[in-house]
Amino acid sequence: MSVLRVACVQITAGRDVAANVETASRLIRAAAADGARLIATPEMTSLMERDKKAMRPKIRTEDEDQALPAFRALAAELGVHLLIGSLPIDVGQDRLANRAFLIDPAGAIKARYDKIHMFDVDLPGGESFRESASYRPGERAVVAEVEGAKLGLTICYDLRFATLYRRLAQGGAEILAVPAAFTRITGEAHWHVLQRARAIETGCFVIAPGQTGTHEDGRQTYGHSLIIDPWGVVLADGGTEVGFVAADLDLDLVGTARGRIPALKHDRLFEGP
């Protein structure tokens, strides 16, 4: 039996990058002390700011980012794999990337993933989001090795695009990461069912660290960071408080689930509509 202890960190990030890094780091340390070997943080770990004018001066290129060196040093200090769910990164031409970083126990960046699907929606109650106005979408799916397991990287709104998760699973992923800043409205309606569906469809574990609560920019996020097994069973739910949740992943269950429902092998070409 191959077991990997994982943790999801849940925070309420605000407008102060240093304060957000400090809060996330404190919880990462606590998760490592609890035995986690892979620790994941939410989307936009370092900064939650909807005002483009206020946000832009705080964002740097990857080489100059304020948060990334601190997290790389922390991963090396603790000797763990650290998935920073995403940081806003300046990629030039007045565009940003919503970029996840997988950091290895030596502090090296093992993988990067730029969010593919942009969150452009108008929600009931007047909330409106236009991610594509600032961010350049990614173009490449990413699977990386962590402690002998294969981890597929996604971010938040990607969750609604099942084809991406199927491709990741067929590309070898055994664990799917879905760091998010899901809105309270959509989270209450869809978060749990979509996360469980992605696990069931692919026979993968899902780890989904989320932002939670009311942020300084007025946004409300859902929380409920989840760890789900390949049969769709919720192993841990972070509720709505800042903190972390952890669980032991028996990776042998991936093969068991896929043996019982071998849907990943049953794709067929078809015509129409």
Protein backbone atom coordinates (compact mmCIF):
# COMPACT_ATOMS: atom_id res chain seq x y z
CA MET A 1 0.00 0.00 0.00
CA SER A 2 1.34 3.42 -1.00
CA VAL A 3 0.05 6.20 1.26
CA LEU A 4 0.60 9.95 0.86
CA ARG A 5 -0.53 12.39 3.52
CA VAL A 6 -1.80 15.62 1.96
CA ALA A 7 -3.17 18.88 3.34
CA CYS A 8 -5.25 21.75 2.01
CA VAL A 9 -4.65 25.22 3.48
CA GLN A 10 -7.67 27.54 3.66
CA ILE A 11 -7.21 31.31 4.04
CA THR A 12 -8.97 34.65 3.54
CA ALA A 13 -6.37 36.48 1.49
CA GLY A 14 -6.50 40.26 1.39
CA ARG A 15 -4.67 43.18 -0.19
CA ASP A 16 -1.38 42.88 1.72
CA VAL A 17 0.96 40.38 0.06
CA ALA A 18 3.27 40.06 3.07
CA ALA A 19 0.36 39.42 5.44
CA ASN A 20 -1.09 36.78 3.12
CA VAL A 21 2.27 35.01 2.86
CA GLU A 22 2.62 35.08 6.65
CA THR A 23 -0.83 33.55 7.20
CA ALA A 24 -0.36 30.86 4.56
CA SER A 25 3.13 30.04 5.86
CA ARG A 26 1.87 29.61 9.42
CA LEU A 27 -0.73 27.10 8.25
CA ILE A 28 1.74 25.31 5.96
CA ARG A 29 4.01 24.82 8.96
CA ALA A 30 1.11 23.43 10.97
CA ALA A 31 0.18 21.02 8.17
CA ALA A 32 3.78 19.84 7.88
CA ALA A 33 3.89 19.28 11.65
CA ASP A 34 0.77 17.13 11.18
CA GLY A 35 2.72 14.92 8.79
CA ALA A 36 1.59 16.20 5.38
CA ARG A 37 4.07 15.56 2.56
CA LEU A 38 2.09 17.48 -0.08
CA ILE A 39 0.56 20.77 1.08
CA ALA A 40 -1.64 22.85 -1.23
CA THR A 41 -2.80 26.46 -0.91
CA PRO A 42 -5.72 28.20 -2.68
CA GLU A 43 -5.91 30.19 -5.88
CA MET A 44 -4.50 33.71 -5.46
CA THR A 45 -2.66 32.81 -2.26
CA SER A 46 -0.68 36.06 -2.21
CA LEU A 47 -3.29 38.65 -3.23
CA MET A 48 -7.07 39.01 -3.57
CA GLU A 49 -7.90 42.31 -5.24
CA ARG A 50 -10.59 43.00 -7.84
CA ASP A 51 -9.63 46.66 -8.43
CA LYS A 52 -7.27 46.48 -11.39
CA LYS A 53 -5.65 49.83 -10.65
CA ALA A 54 -4.96 48.85 -7.05
CA MET A 55 -3.81 45.37 -7.99
CA ARG A 56 -1.42 46.12 -10.83
CA PRO A 57 1.38 47.86 -8.86
CA LYS A 58 1.63 44.87 -6.50
CA ILE A 59 2.22 42.30 -9.25
CA ARG A 60 5.69 41.39 -10.52
CA THR A 61 7.29 39.06 -13.01
CA GLU A 62 8.06 35.56 -11.74
CA ASP A 63 11.71 36.51 -11.11
CA GLU A 64 10.65 39.54 -9.03
CA ASP A 65 7.56 38.14 -7.29
CA GLN A 66 7.46 38.88 -3.56
CA ALA A 67 5.77 35.66 -2.42
CA LEU A 68 7.46 32.94 -4.45
CA PRO A 69 10.93 33.09 -2.79
CA ALA A 70 9.34 32.84 0.65
CA PHE A 71 7.37 29.74 -0.32
CA ARG A 72 10.40 28.14 -1.99
CA ALA A 73 12.45 28.66 1.16
CA LEU A 74 9.63 27.28 3.31
CA ALA A 75 9.31 24.10 1.21
CA ALA A 76 13.06 23.54 1.57
CA GLU A 77 13.00 24.23 5.30
CA LEU A 78 10.14 21.80 5.90
CA GLY A 79 11.23 19.22 3.32
CA VAL A 80 7.79 18.96 1.71
CA HIS A 81 6.18 19.34 -1.68
CA LEU A 82 4.30 22.63 -1.70
CA LEU A 83 1.64 23.46 -4.29
CA ILE A 84 0.98 27.19 -4.32
CA GLY A 85 -2.50 27.20 -5.82
CA SER A 86 -1.77 30.32 -7.81
CA LEU A 87 -0.02 33.67 -7.79
CA PRO A 88 -0.72 36.58 -10.17
CA ILE A 89 2.35 36.88 -12.40
CA ASP A 90 3.25 39.66 -14.84
CA VAL A 91 3.90 38.12 -18.26
CA GLY A 92 4.29 41.38 -20.21
CA GLN A 93 2.20 43.39 -22.66
CA ASP A 94 -0.06 44.44 -19.77
CA ARG A 95 -1.14 40.83 -19.21
CA LEU A 96 -0.99 38.54 -16.20
CA ALA A 97 -0.90 34.79 -15.72
CA ASN A 98 -2.89 33.03 -13.00
CA ARG A 99 -0.06 30.60 -12.29
CA ALA A 100 0.25 27.61 -9.97
CA PHE A 101 3.68 26.53 -8.73
CA LEU A 102 4.66 23.05 -7.55
CA ILE A 103 7.75 23.39 -5.34
CA ASP A 104 9.81 20.34 -4.37
CA PRO A 105 11.39 19.58 -0.96
CA ALA A 106 14.65 21.22 -2.07
CA GLY A 107 12.84 24.46 -2.83
CA ALA A 108 13.07 24.11 -6.61
CA ILE A 109 10.11 24.86 -8.88
CA LYS A 110 9.12 21.45 -10.21
CA ALA A 111 6.14 22.48 -12.36
CA ARG A 112 4.15 25.51 -13.40
CA TYR A 113 0.56 25.66 -14.63
CA ASP A 114 -1.25 28.69 -16.07
CA LYS A 115 -5.02 28.61 -15.64
CA ILE A 116 -6.58 27.65 -18.97
CA HIS A 117 -10.22 28.69 -18.55
CA MET A 118 -11.04 32.34 -17.79
CA PHE A 119 -13.83 33.22 -15.34
CA ASP A 120 -15.98 35.73 -17.28
CA VAL A 121 -19.45 35.75 -15.71
CA ASP A 122 -22.29 37.89 -14.38
CA LEU A 123 -23.75 36.36 -11.23
CA PRO A 124 -27.13 36.85 -9.53
CA GLY A 125 -26.92 39.69 -7.06
CA GLY A 126 -24.84 41.93 -9.31
CA GLU A 127 -21.38 40.35 -9.01
CA SER A 128 -19.44 40.47 -12.26
CA PHE A 129 -16.05 38.97 -13.11
CA ARG A 130 -13.95 39.43 -16.27
CA GLU A 131 -10.77 37.47 -15.71
CA SER A 132 -9.88 37.65 -19.39
CA ALA A 133 -9.62 41.45 -19.14
CA SER A 134 -6.38 41.08 -17.20
CA TYR A 135 -5.19 37.49 -17.54
CA ARG A 136 -3.71 35.54 -20.44
CA PRO A 137 -5.11 31.99 -20.51
CA GLY A 138 -2.77 29.03 -20.35
CA GLU A 139 -2.51 26.56 -23.22
CA ARG A 140 -0.97 23.42 -21.69
CA ALA A 141 -2.21 20.74 -19.29
CA VAL A 142 0.37 19.69 -16.70
CA VAL A 143 1.03 16.45 -14.79
CA ALA A 144 3.95 16.29 -12.34
CA GLU A 145 5.41 13.66 -10.00
CA VAL A 146 5.02 14.04 -6.23
CA GLU A 147 6.32 11.38 -3.81
CA GLY A 148 5.87 8.67 -6.45
CA ALA A 149 2.35 9.82 -7.40
CA LYS A 150 1.26 11.78 -10.46
CA LEU A 151 -0.44 15.13 -9.78
CA GLY A 152 -2.61 16.92 -12.35
CA LEU A 153 -2.72 20.71 -12.01
CA THR A 154 -5.83 22.85 -12.54
CA ILE A 155 -7.24 26.07 -11.04
CA CYS A 156 -10.77 27.04 -9.95
CA TYR A 157 -12.99 27.68 -13.03
CA ASP A 158 -11.23 24.80 -14.81
CA LEU A 159 -13.40 22.60 -12.57
CA ARG A 160 -16.36 23.10 -14.93
CA PHE A 161 -14.53 21.64 -17.92
CA ALA A 162 -14.59 17.86 -17.49
CA THR A 163 -12.53 17.19 -20.63
CA LEU A 164 -9.44 18.71 -19.01
CA TYR A 165 -9.65 16.31 -16.06
CA ARG A 166 -10.19 13.31 -18.31
CA ARG A 167 -7.09 14.26 -20.30
CA LEU A 168 -5.06 14.62 -17.11
CA ALA A 169 -6.19 11.21 -15.84
CA GLN A 170 -5.50 9.56 -19.19
CA GLY A 171 -2.10 11.29 -19.08
CA GLY A 172 -1.25 9.51 -15.83
CA ALA A 173 -2.67 11.74 -13.08
CA GLU A 174 -3.72 9.93 -9.89
CA ILE A 175 -4.39 13.09 -7.88
CA LEU A 176 -6.12 16.19 -9.25
CA ALA A 177 -5.46 19.58 -7.66
CA VAL A 178 -8.20 22.22 -7.85
CA PRO A 179 -7.06 25.27 -5.84
CA ALA A 180 -9.81 27.85 -5.96
CA ALA A 181 -11.39 31.11 -4.91
CA PHE A 182 -14.93 29.93 -5.62
CA THR A 183 -17.63 32.54 -5.01
CA ARG A 184 -20.03 31.88 -2.17
CA ILE A 185 -23.04 31.83 -4.52
CA THR A 186 -21.63 29.32 -6.99
CA GLY A 187 -19.92 27.34 -4.25
CA GLU A 188 -23.14 26.73 -2.36
CA ALA A 189 -24.75 25.43 -5.54
CA HIS A 190 -21.97 23.51 -7.29
CA TRP A 191 -18.68 23.10 -5.38
CA HIS A 192 -19.17 19.73 -3.71
CA VAL A 193 -21.00 18.05 -6.56
CA LEU A 194 -18.49 19.14 -9.21
CA GLN A 195 -15.48 18.11 -7.13
CA ARG A 196 -16.99 14.69 -6.42
CA ALA A 197 -17.91 14.30 -10.09
CA ARG A 198 -14.33 14.99 -11.23
CA ALA A 199 -13.06 12.34 -8.78
CA ILE A 200 -15.65 9.77 -9.86
CA GLU A 201 -15.25 10.39 -13.60
CA THR A 202 -11.48 9.98 -13.50
CA GLY A 203 -10.90 7.55 -10.63
CA CYS A 204 -8.56 10.13 -9.10
CA PHE A 205 -8.11 11.65 -5.68
CA VAL A 206 -9.04 15.35 -5.63
CA ILE A 207 -7.44 17.97 -3.40
CA ALA A 208 -9.17 21.34 -3.52
CA PRO A 209 -7.87 24.11 -1.22
CA GLY A 210 -10.13 27.16 -1.20
CA GLN A 211 -10.26 30.78 -0.22
CA THR A 212 -12.93 31.47 2.41
CA GLY A 213 -14.97 34.30 3.90
CA THR A 214 -15.30 38.00 3.12
CA HIS A 215 -12.20 39.59 1.62
CA GLU A 216 -10.99 43.19 1.84
CA ASP A 217 -12.11 43.86 -1.73
CA GLY A 218 -15.66 42.78 -0.82
CA ARG A 219 -15.59 39.42 -2.53
CA GLN A 220 -17.12 36.47 -0.66
CA THR A 221 -15.62 33.03 -1.18
CA TYR A 222 -17.02 29.66 -0.22
CA GLY A 223 -14.24 27.83 1.61
CA HIS A 224 -14.96 24.11 2.16
CA SER A 225 -11.53 22.92 1.07
CA LEU A 226 -12.00 19.28 0.09
CA ILE A 227 -10.03 16.04 -0.10
CA ILE A 228 -11.96 13.36 -2.01
CA ASP A 229 -11.14 9.74 -2.81
CA PRO A 230 -11.46 8.09 -6.27
CA TRP A 231 -14.91 6.70 -5.43
CA GLY A 232 -16.21 10.19 -4.66
CA VAL A 233 -16.07 9.92 -0.86
CA VAL A 234 -15.25 13.18 0.93
CA LEU A 235 -12.32 12.46 3.25
CA ALA A 236 -12.02 16.01 4.61
CA ASP A 237 -14.02 19.26 4.41
CA GLY A 238 -12.53 22.51 5.70
CA GLY A 239 -15.85 24.24 6.39
CA THR A 240 -15.66 28.04 6.38
CA GLU A 241 -12.93 28.80 8.93
CA VAL A 242 -9.31 29.68 8.19
CA GLY A 243 -7.12 26.63 8.82
CA PHE A 244 -6.13 23.39 7.14
CA VAL A 245 -7.48 19.88 6.61
CA ALA A 246 -5.44 16.74 5.99
CA ALA A 247 -5.97 13.14 4.95
CA ASP A 248 -3.98 10.03 4.06
CA LEU A 249 -4.34 9.01 0.41
CA ASP A 250 -4.09 5.27 -0.22
CA LEU A 251 -2.94 5.48 -3.83
CA ASP A 252 -3.84 1.85 -4.45
CA LEU A 253 -7.47 3.00 -4.42
CA VAL A 254 -6.93 4.69 -7.79
CA GLY A 255 -6.40 1.33 -9.48
CA THR A 256 -9.25 -0.20 -7.49
CA ALA A 257 -11.73 2.48 -8.58
CA ARG A 258 -10.64 2.35 -12.21
CA GLY A 259 -10.87 -1.44 -12.18
CA ARG A 260 -14.46 -1.27 -10.95
CA ILE A 261 -15.46 1.44 -13.47
CA PRO A 262 -12.91 1.40 -16.35
CA ALA A 263 -14.50 4.38 -18.14
CA LEU A 264 -11.14 5.99 -18.98
CA LYS A 265 -10.59 3.13 -21.46
CA HIS A 266 -14.00 3.34 -23.12
CA ASP A 267 -13.85 6.53 -25.19
CA ARG A 268 -15.49 6.21 -28.60
CA LEU A 269 -15.54 8.50 -31.60
CA PHE A 270 -19.01 9.63 -32.65
CA GLU A 271 -20.65 11.99 -35.08
CA GLY A 272 -22.77 15.10 -34.53
CA PRO A 273 -24.53 17.10 -33.48
